[in-house]
Every structure is written in C-alpha cells, then in structure tokens.
PDB file of N, CA and C in Angstrom:
ATOM      1  N   GLN A   1      12.458  -2.222 -16.639  1.00  0.00           N
ATOM      2  CA  GLN A   1      13.876  -2.052 -16.873  1.00  0.00           C
ATOM      3  C   GLN A   1      14.183  -0.668 -17.413  1.00  0.00           C
ATOM      4  N   ALA A   2      13.279  -0.118 -18.198  1.00  0.00           N
ATOM      5  CA  ALA A   2      13.528   1.199 -18.792  1.00  0.00           C
ATOM      6  C   ALA A   2      13.645   2.272 -17.718  1.00  0.00           C
ATOM      7  N   GLN A   3      12.825   2.178 -16.692  1.00  0.00           N
ATOM      8  CA  GLN A   3      12.861   3.188 -15.639  1.00  0.00           C
ATOM      9  C   GLN A   3      14.186   3.145 -14.884  1.00  0.00           C
ATOM     10  N   GLY A   4      14.628   1.956 -14.535  1.00  0.00           N
ATOM     11  CA  GLY A   4      15.903   1.817 -13.838  1.00  0.00           C
ATOM     12  C   GLY A   4      17.075   2.271 -14.684  1.00  0.00           C
ATOM     13  N   THR A   5      17.054   1.904 -15.967  1.00  0.00           N
ATOM     14  CA  THR A   5      18.126   2.310 -16.877  1.00  0.00           C
ATOM     15  C   THR A   5      18.140   3.826 -17.042  1.00  0.00           C
ATOM     16  N   SER A   6      16.977   4.423 -17.174  1.00  0.00           N
ATOM     17  CA  SER A   6      16.877   5.874 -17.322  1.00  0.00           C
ATOM     18  C   SER A   6      17.434   6.593 -16.095  1.00  0.00           C
ATOM     19  N   LEU A   7      17.101   6.118 -14.918  1.00  0.00           N
ATOM     20  CA  LEU A   7      17.627   6.722 -13.699  1.00  0.00           C
ATOM     21  C   LEU A   7      19.142   6.620 -13.636  1.00  0.00           C
ATOM     22  N   PHE A   8      19.676   5.474 -14.029  1.00  0.00           N
ATOM     23  CA  PHE A   8      21.122   5.284 -14.008  1.00  0.00           C
ATOM     24  C   PHE A   8      21.821   6.218 -14.987  1.00  0.00           C
ATOM     25  N   VAL A   9      21.272   6.334 -16.194  1.00  0.00           N
ATOM     26  CA  VAL A   9      21.884   7.171 -17.228  1.00  0.00           C
ATOM     27  C   VAL A   9      21.874   8.643 -16.809  1.00  0.00           C
ATOM     28  N   LEU A  10      20.806   9.090 -16.194  1.00  0.00           N
ATOM     29  CA  LEU A  10      20.691  10.494 -15.804  1.00  0.00           C
ATOM     30  C   LEU A  10      21.494  10.849 -14.562  1.00  0.00           C
ATOM     31  N   MET A  11      21.707   9.888 -13.692  1.00  0.00           N
ATOM     32  CA  MET A  11      22.294  10.157 -12.393  1.00  0.00           C
ATOM     33  C   MET A  11      23.658  10.841 -12.478  1.00  0.00           C
ATOM     34  N   LEU A  12      24.602  10.235 -13.132  1.00  0.00           N
ATOM     35  CA  LEU A  12      25.959  10.762 -13.099  1.00  0.00           C
ATOM     36  C   LEU A  12      26.124  12.107 -13.799  1.00  0.00           C
ATOM     37  N   PRO A  13      25.738  12.258 -15.059  1.00  0.00           N
ATOM     38  CA  PRO A  13      26.003  13.552 -15.696  1.00  0.00           C
ATOM     39  C   PRO A  13      25.197  14.705 -15.104  1.00  0.00           C
ATOM     40  N   VAL A  14      23.959  14.475 -14.802  1.00  0.00           N
ATOM     41  CA  VAL A  14      23.112  15.562 -14.304  1.00  0.00           C
ATOM     42  C   VAL A  14      23.542  15.982 -12.902  1.00  0.00           C
ATOM     43  N   VAL A  15      23.638  15.029 -12.017  1.00  0.00           N
ATOM     44  CA  VAL A  15      23.949  15.344 -10.628  1.00  0.00           C
ATOM     45  C   VAL A  15      25.369  15.864 -10.474  1.00  0.00           C
ATOM     46  N   SER A  16      26.330  15.205 -11.081  1.00  0.00           N
ATOM     47  CA  SER A  16      27.720  15.601 -10.864  1.00  0.00           C
ATOM     48  C   SER A  16      28.010  17.003 -11.381  1.00  0.00           C
ATOM     49  N   PHE A  17      27.547  17.349 -12.575  1.00  0.00           N
ATOM     50  CA  PHE A  17      27.812  18.684 -13.106  1.00  0.00           C
ATOM     51  C   PHE A  17      27.046  19.761 -12.342  1.00  0.00           C
ATOM     52  N   ALA A  18      25.838  19.462 -11.940  1.00  0.00           N
ATOM     53  CA  ALA A  18      25.058  20.440 -11.175  1.00  0.00           C
ATOM     54  C   ALA A  18      25.712  20.715  -9.826  1.00  0.00           C
ATOM     55  N   VAL A  19      26.105  19.668  -9.116  1.00  0.00           N
ATOM     56  CA  VAL A  19      26.749  19.846  -7.815  1.00  0.00           C
ATOM     57  C   VAL A  19      28.066  20.589  -7.976  1.00  0.00           C
ATOM     58  N   LEU A  20      28.834  20.263  -8.991  1.00  0.00           N
ATOM     59  CA  LEU A  20      30.113  20.935  -9.228  1.00  0.00           C
ATOM     60  C   LEU A  20      29.908  22.437  -9.417  1.00  0.00           C
ATOM     61  N   ASN A  21      28.945  22.817 -10.224  1.00  0.00           N
ATOM     62  CA  ASN A  21      28.687  24.242 -10.455  1.00  0.00           C
ATOM     63  C   ASN A  21      28.217  24.954  -9.189  1.00  0.00           C
ATOM     64  N   TYR A  22      27.326  24.328  -8.443  1.00  0.00           N
ATOM     65  CA  TYR A  22      26.860  24.950  -7.205  1.00  0.00           C
ATOM     66  C   TYR A  22      27.983  25.026  -6.176  1.00  0.00           C
ATOM     67  N   TRP A  23      28.825  24.001  -6.114  1.00  0.00           N
ATOM     68  CA  TRP A  23      29.945  23.983  -5.173  1.00  0.00           C
ATOM     69  C   TRP A  23      30.932  25.098  -5.495  1.00  0.00           C
ATOM     70  N   LYS A  24      31.238  25.281  -6.774  1.00  0.00           N
ATOM     71  CA  LYS A  24      32.168  26.342  -7.185  1.00  0.00           C
ATOM     72  C   LYS A  24      31.651  27.726  -6.812  1.00  0.00           C
ATOM     73  N   SER A  25      30.348  27.890  -6.809  1.00  0.00           N
ATOM     74  CA  SER A  25      29.790  29.202  -6.455  1.00  0.00           C
ATOM     75  C   SER A  25      29.513  29.330  -4.954  1.00  0.00           C
ATOM     76  N   GLY A  26      29.908  28.308  -4.174  1.00  0.00           N
ATOM     77  CA  GLY A  26      29.765  28.363  -2.721  1.00  0.00           C
ATOM     78  C   GLY A  26      28.358  28.118  -2.213  1.00  0.00           C
ATOM     79  N   ASN A  27      27.569  27.398  -2.983  1.00  0.00           N
ATOM     80  CA  ASN A  27      26.171  27.183  -2.620  1.00  0.00           C
ATOM     81  C   ASN A  27      25.853  25.749  -2.226  1.00  0.00           C
ATOM     82  N   VAL A  28      26.802  25.051  -1.646  1.00  0.00           N
ATOM     83  CA  VAL A  28      26.548  23.678  -1.191  1.00  0.00           C
ATOM     84  C   VAL A  28      26.875  23.593   0.294  1.00  0.00           C
ATOM     85  N   LYS A  29      25.904  23.182   1.088  1.00  0.00           N
ATOM     86  CA  LYS A  29      26.132  22.913   2.508  1.00  0.00           C
ATOM     87  C   LYS A  29      26.287  21.403   2.635  1.00  0.00           C
ATOM     88  N   TRP A  30      27.522  20.953   2.670  1.00  0.00           N
ATOM     89  CA  TRP A  30      27.814  19.522   2.623  1.00  0.00           C
ATOM     90  C   TRP A  30      27.195  18.754   3.779  1.00  0.00           C
ATOM     91  N   GLU A  31      27.191  19.330   4.984  1.00  0.00           N
ATOM     92  CA  GLU A  31      26.655  18.593   6.135  1.00  0.00           C
ATOM     93  C   GLU A  31      25.162  18.317   5.965  1.00  0.00           C
ATOM     94  N   TYR A  32      24.420  19.285   5.461  1.00  0.00           N
ATOM     95  CA  TYR A  32      22.994  19.057   5.208  1.00  0.00           C
ATOM     96  C   TYR A  32      22.797  18.099   4.041  1.00  0.00           C
ATOM     97  N   GLY A  33      23.566  18.326   3.003  1.00  0.00           N
ATOM     98  CA  GLY A  33      23.445  17.498   1.802  1.00  0.00           C
ATOM     99  C   GLY A  33      23.714  16.031   2.069  1.00  0.00           C
ATOM    100  N   LEU A  34      24.720  15.752   2.891  1.00  0.00           N
ATOM    101  CA  LEU A  34      25.050  14.356   3.185  1.00  0.00           C
ATOM    102  C   LEU A  34      23.955  13.675   4.003  1.00  0.00           C
ATOM    103  N   VAL A  35      23.392  14.394   4.960  1.00  0.00           N
ATOM    104  CA  VAL A  35      22.299  13.815   5.756  1.00  0.00           C
ATOM    105  C   VAL A  35      21.095  13.525   4.863  1.00  0.00           C
ATOM    106  N   ILE A  36      20.741  14.488   4.024  1.00  0.00           N
ATOM    107  CA  ILE A  36      19.601  14.298   3.127  1.00  0.00           C
ATOM    108  C   ILE A  36      19.881  13.182   2.129  1.00  0.00           C
ATOM    109  N   ALA A  37      21.110  13.134   1.603  1.00  0.00           N
ATOM    110  CA  ALA A  37      21.470  12.087   0.641  1.00  0.00           C
ATOM    111  C   ALA A  37      21.350  10.701   1.266  1.00  0.00           C
ATOM    112  N   MET A  38      21.762  10.571   2.513  1.00  0.00           N
ATOM    113  CA  MET A  38      21.659   9.271   3.180  1.00  0.00           C
ATOM    114  C   MET A  38      20.201   8.843   3.333  1.00  0.00           C
ATOM    115  N   THR A  39      19.335   9.778   3.676  1.00  0.00           N
ATOM    116  CA  THR A  39      17.923   9.412   3.790  1.00  0.00           C
ATOM    117  C   THR A  39      17.338   9.071   2.423  1.00  0.00           C
ATOM    118  N   PHE A  40      17.797   9.753   1.366  1.00  0.00           N
ATOM    119  CA  PHE A  40      17.356   9.412   0.008  1.00  0.00           C
ATOM    120  C   PHE A  40      17.798   8.005  -0.365  1.00  0.00           C
ATOM    121  N   ILE A  41      19.028   7.659  -0.016  1.00  0.00           N
ATOM    122  CA  ILE A  41      19.551   6.333  -0.355  1.00  0.00           C
ATOM    123  C   ILE A  41      18.719   5.249   0.323  1.00  0.00           C
ATOM    124  N   VAL A  42      18.461   5.427   1.605  1.00  0.00           N
ATOM    125  CA  VAL A  42      17.657   4.446   2.344  1.00  0.00           C
ATOM    126  C   VAL A  42      16.242   4.386   1.774  1.00  0.00           C
ATOM    127  N   GLY A  43      15.643   5.548   1.531  1.00  0.00           N
ATOM    128  CA  GLY A  43      14.291   5.596   0.975  1.00  0.00           C
ATOM    129  C   GLY A  43      14.206   4.985  -0.412  1.00  0.00           C
ATOM    130  N   ALA A  44      15.209   5.260  -1.249  1.00  0.00           N
ATOM    131  CA  ALA A  44      15.216   4.699  -2.604  1.00  0.00           C
ATOM    132  C   ALA A  44      15.370   3.187  -2.566  1.00  0.00           C
ATOM    133  N   PHE A  45      16.204   2.702  -1.669  1.00  0.00           N
ATOM    134  CA  PHE A  45      16.420   1.258  -1.566  1.00  0.00           C
ATOM    135  C   PHE A  45      15.123   0.546  -1.192  1.00  0.00           C
ATOM    136  N   PHE A  46      14.515   0.992  -0.096  1.00  0.00           N
ATOM    137  CA  PHE A  46      13.300   0.325   0.359  1.00  0.00           C
ATOM    138  C   PHE A  46      12.105   0.630  -0.538  1.00  0.00           C
ATOM    139  N   GLY A  47      12.035   1.851  -1.053  1.00  0.00           N
ATOM    140  CA  GLY A  47      10.942   2.215  -1.949  1.00  0.00           C
ATOM    141  C   GLY A  47      10.957   1.428  -3.242  1.00  0.00           C
ATOM    142  N   SER A  48      12.148   1.225  -3.808  1.00  0.00           N
ATOM    143  CA  SER A  48      12.227   0.448  -5.049  1.00  0.00           C
ATOM    144  C   SER A  48      11.895  -1.017  -4.800  1.00  0.00           C
ATOM    145  N   LYS A  49      12.327  -1.544  -3.665  1.00  0.00           N
ATOM    146  CA  LYS A  49      11.970  -2.930  -3.327  1.00  0.00           C
ATOM    147  C   LYS A  49      10.453  -3.075  -3.200  1.00  0.00           C
ATOM    148  N   LEU A  50       9.830  -2.115  -2.518  1.00  0.00           N
ATOM    149  CA  LEU A  50       8.386  -2.162  -2.330  1.00  0.00           C
ATOM    150  C   LEU A  50       7.649  -1.996  -3.658  1.00  0.00           C
ATOM    151  N   SER A  51       8.098  -1.054  -4.491  1.00  0.00           N
ATOM    152  CA  SER A  51       7.384  -0.804  -5.752  1.00  0.00           C
ATOM    153  C   SER A  51       7.483  -1.979  -6.713  1.00  0.00           C
ATOM    154  N   LEU A  52       8.513  -2.793  -6.582  1.00  0.00           N
ATOM    155  CA  LEU A  52       8.630  -3.979  -7.432  1.00  0.00           C
ATOM    156  C   LEU A  52       7.727  -5.118  -6.957  1.00  0.00           C
ATOM    157  N   LYS A  53       7.274  -5.039  -5.704  1.00  0.00           N
ATOM    158  CA  LYS A  53       6.436  -6.108  -5.158  1.00  0.00           C
ATOM    159  C   LYS A  53       4.943  -5.823  -5.286  1.00  0.00           C
ATOM    160  N   ILE A  54       4.573  -4.569  -5.516  1.00  0.00           N
ATOM    161  CA  ILE A  54       3.154  -4.249  -5.638  1.00  0.00           C
ATOM    162  C   ILE A  54       2.830  -3.923  -7.091  1.00  0.00           C
ATOM    163  N   SER A  55       1.565  -3.926  -7.415  1.00  0.00           N
ATOM    164  CA  SER A  55       1.150  -3.742  -8.809  1.00  0.00           C
ATOM    165  C   SER A  55       1.453  -2.324  -9.292  1.00  0.00           C
ATOM    166  N   PRO A  56       1.780  -2.178 -10.583  1.00  0.00           N
ATOM    167  CA  PRO A  56       2.040  -0.846 -11.137  1.00  0.00           C
ATOM    168  C   PRO A  56       0.850   0.104 -10.963  1.00  0.00           C
ATOM    169  N   GLY A  57      -0.357  -0.430 -11.034  1.00  0.00           N
ATOM    170  CA  GLY A  57      -1.539   0.405 -10.842  1.00  0.00           C
ATOM    171  C   GLY A  57      -1.596   1.007  -9.446  1.00  0.00           C
ATOM    172  N   LEU A  58      -1.245   0.205  -8.441  1.00  0.00           N
ATOM    173  CA  LEU A  58      -1.236   0.704  -7.067  1.00  0.00           C
ATOM    174  C   LEU A  58      -0.136   1.743  -6.880  1.00  0.00           C
ATOM    175  N   VAL A  59       1.018   1.518  -7.505  1.00  0.00           N
ATOM    176  CA  VAL A  59       2.109   2.499  -7.436  1.00  0.00           C
ATOM    177  C   VAL A  59       1.638   3.826  -8.026  1.00  0.00           C
ATOM    178  N   GLN A  60       0.970   3.769  -9.177  1.00  0.00           N
ATOM    179  CA  GLN A  60       0.452   4.993  -9.802  1.00  0.00           C
ATOM    180  C   GLN A  60      -0.575   5.679  -8.912  1.00  0.00           C
ATOM    181  N   LEU A  61      -1.461   4.913  -8.327  1.00  0.00           N
ATOM    182  CA  LEU A  61      -2.482   5.475  -7.448  1.00  0.00           C
ATOM    183  C   LEU A  61      -1.845   6.168  -6.251  1.00  0.00           C
ATOM    184  N   LEU A  62      -0.915   5.499  -5.590  1.00  0.00           N
ATOM    185  CA  LEU A  62      -0.257   6.083  -4.421  1.00  0.00           C
ATOM    186  C   LEU A  62       0.531   7.332  -4.796  1.00  0.00           C
ATOM    187  N   PHE A  63       1.217   7.293  -5.943  1.00  0.00           N
ATOM    188  CA  PHE A  63       1.972   8.450  -6.404  1.00  0.00           C
ATOM    189  C   PHE A  63       1.024   9.610  -6.716  1.00  0.00           C
ATOM    190  N   GLY A  64      -0.095   9.315  -7.334  1.00  0.00           N
ATOM    191  CA  GLY A  64      -1.089  10.347  -7.630  1.00  0.00           C
ATOM    192  C   GLY A  64      -1.639  10.992  -6.375  1.00  0.00           C
ATOM    193  N   ILE A  65      -1.919  10.179  -5.367  1.00  0.00           N
ATOM    194  CA  ILE A  65      -2.406  10.710  -4.090  1.00  0.00           C
ATOM    195  C   ILE A  65      -1.349  11.605  -3.452  1.00  0.00           C
ATOM    196  N   LEU A  66      -0.107  11.166  -3.479  1.00  0.00           N
ATOM    197  CA  LEU A  66       0.985  11.969  -2.926  1.00  0.00           C
ATOM    198  C   LEU A  66       1.108  13.304  -3.656  1.00  0.00           C
ATOM    199  N   MET A  67       1.059  13.276  -4.984  1.00  0.00           N
ATOM    200  CA  MET A  67       1.168  14.510  -5.770  1.00  0.00           C
ATOM    201  C   MET A  67      -0.016  15.440  -5.520  1.00  0.00           C
ATOM    202  N   ALA A  68      -1.211  14.881  -5.377  1.00  0.00           N
ATOM    203  CA  ALA A  68      -2.389  15.700  -5.083  1.00  0.00           C
ATOM    204  C   ALA A  68      -2.241  16.371  -3.720  1.00  0.00           C
ATOM    205  N   TYR A  69      -1.753  15.629  -2.742  1.00  0.00           N
ATOM    206  CA  TYR A  69      -1.540  16.178  -1.399  1.00  0.00           C
ATOM    207  C   TYR A  69      -0.518  17.312  -1.430  1.00  0.00           C
ATOM    208  N   ILE A  70       0.600  17.074  -2.112  1.00  0.00           N
ATOM    209  CA  ILE A  70       1.641  18.102  -2.203  1.00  0.00           C
ATOM    210  C   ILE A  70       1.117  19.335  -2.938  1.00  0.00           C
ATOM    211  N   SER A  71       0.366  19.120  -4.010  1.00  0.00           N
ATOM    212  CA  SER A  71      -0.218  20.241  -4.756  1.00  0.00           C
ATOM    213  C   SER A  71      -1.153  21.057  -3.871  1.00  0.00           C
ATOM    214  N   PHE A  72      -1.992  20.367  -3.128  1.00  0.00           N
ATOM    215  CA  PHE A  72      -2.929  21.033  -2.224  1.00  0.00           C
ATOM    216  C   PHE A  72      -2.182  21.876  -1.195  1.00  0.00           C
ATOM    217  N   ARG A  73      -1.123  21.318  -0.620  1.00  0.00           N
ATOM    218  CA  ARG A  73      -0.318  22.054   0.365  1.00  0.00           C
ATOM    219  C   ARG A  73       0.338  23.276  -0.256  1.00  0.00           C
ATOM    220  N   MET A  74       0.846  23.135  -1.483  1.00  0.00           N
ATOM    221  CA  MET A  74       1.477  24.271  -2.158  1.00  0.00           C
ATOM    222  C   MET A  74       0.459  25.363  -2.459  1.00  0.00           C
ATOM    223  N   ILE A  75      -0.721  24.977  -2.898  1.00  0.00           N
ATOM    224  CA  ILE A  75      -1.772  25.960  -3.181  1.00  0.00           C
ATOM    225  C   ILE A  75      -2.149  26.698  -1.900  1.00  0.00           C
ATOM    226  N   LEU A  76      -2.339  25.958  -0.809  1.00  0.00           N
ATOM    227  CA  LEU A  76      -2.690  26.597   0.460  1.00  0.00           C
ATOM    228  C   LEU A  76      -1.590  27.524   0.952  1.00  0.00           C
ATOM    229  N   SER A  77      -0.338  27.106   0.854  1.00  0.00           N
ATOM    230  CA  SER A  77       0.748  27.961   1.336  1.00  0.00           C
ATOM    231  C   SER A  77       0.876  29.208   0.475  1.00  0.00           C
ATOM    232  N   GLY A  78       0.641  29.095  -0.820  1.00  0.00           N
ATOM    233  CA  GLY A  78       0.657  30.273  -1.688  1.00  0.00           C
ATOM    234  C   GLY A  78      -0.484  31.215  -1.366  1.00  0.00           C
ATOM    235  N   TYR A  79      -1.652  30.651  -1.103  1.00  0.00           N
ATOM    236  CA  TYR A  79      -2.828  31.466  -0.772  1.00  0.00           C
ATOM    237  C   TYR A  79      -2.623  32.190   0.554  1.00  0.00           C
ATOM    238  N   THR A  80      -2.124  31.484   1.567  1.00  0.00           N
ATOM    239  CA  THR A  80      -1.915  32.127   2.866  1.00  0.00           C
ATOM    240  C   THR A  80      -0.810  33.171   2.779  1.00  0.00           C
ATOM    241  N   SER A  81       0.181  32.940   1.934  1.00  0.00           N
ATOM    242  CA  SER A  81       1.253  33.916   1.741  1.00  0.00           C
ATOM    243  C   SER A  81       0.714  35.189   1.094  1.00  0.00           C
ATOM    244  N   ILE A  82      -0.153  35.025   0.101  1.00  0.00           N
ATOM    245  CA  ILE A  82      -0.742  36.182  -0.579  1.00  0.00           C
ATOM    246  C   ILE A  82      -1.659  36.947   0.374  1.00  0.00           C
ATOM    247  N   SER A  83      -2.491  36.230   1.118  1.00  0.00           N
ATOM    248  CA  SER A  83      -3.434  36.905   2.015  1.00  0.00           C
ATOM    249  C   SER A  83      -2.708  37.594   3.170  1.00  0.00           C
ATOM    250  N   SER A  84      -1.582  37.069   3.630  1.00  0.00           N
ATOM    251  CA  SER A  84      -0.840  37.737   4.708  1.00  0.00           C
ATOM    252  C   SER A  84      -0.086  38.950   4.177  1.00  0.00           C
ATOM    253  N   ASP A  85       0.298  38.950   2.900  1.00  0.00           N
ATOM    254  CA  ASP A  85       0.950  40.112   2.292  1.00  0.00           C
ATOM    255  C   ASP A  85      -0.023  41.269   2.132  1.00  0.00           C
ATOM    256  N   GLU A  86      -1.299  40.953   1.922  1.00  0.00           N
ATOM    257  CA  GLU A  86      -2.310  41.981   1.703  1.00  0.00           C
ATOM    258  C   GLU A  86      -2.740  42.658   2.996  1.00  0.00           C
ATOM    259  N   SER A  87      -2.548  42.020   4.145  1.00  0.00           N
ATOM    260  CA  SER A  87      -3.012  42.615   5.398  1.00  0.00           C
ATOM    261  C   SER A  87      -1.975  43.482   6.048  1.00  0.00           C
TER     262      SER A  87
END
C-alpha cells in the first residue's frame, strides 16, 4: 500500500508543475507526449496487475536484471561515443 500511496502523492504536484514549466518555455511536444503517455498508462495498468500476482522477490529480481541490462547498454554507448570522438 505504501508504494501505491507514494506514487499517488507524487504524481500530481511533481508532474503538473514540471510540465507547466516546460510548456511555458516551449519545450513540450504534445503529440509525442500523448502517445508516450498512453503507452505508459497501458504498461502501468498491466504491469501493476502482474506485479501484484507474482512474488516480491521475483519482481525485485526482474527489476534488477532490467537495470543491469540498461546500465550495460549505457556503458557501451558511452564507450563507443568516446572511442568515436577520439578517431
């Protein structure tokens, strides 16, 4: 319950003020944002349903694997960027 409550509490003030500031400075592409937001909504709906049905340990394991994969990709892209700048 704490995780769901925390997400709810953070959602409105953080997102609304951030979007407002970026919008005022002309840095929001609404057409892209709406498409991405819709995929987030669908993913959050099904992801939360799935995470409530499987064990917390498995959720942690899968999240850890995902973070390790993303970290590895970021390290590789940084390395290839540095090596291409040097040549």
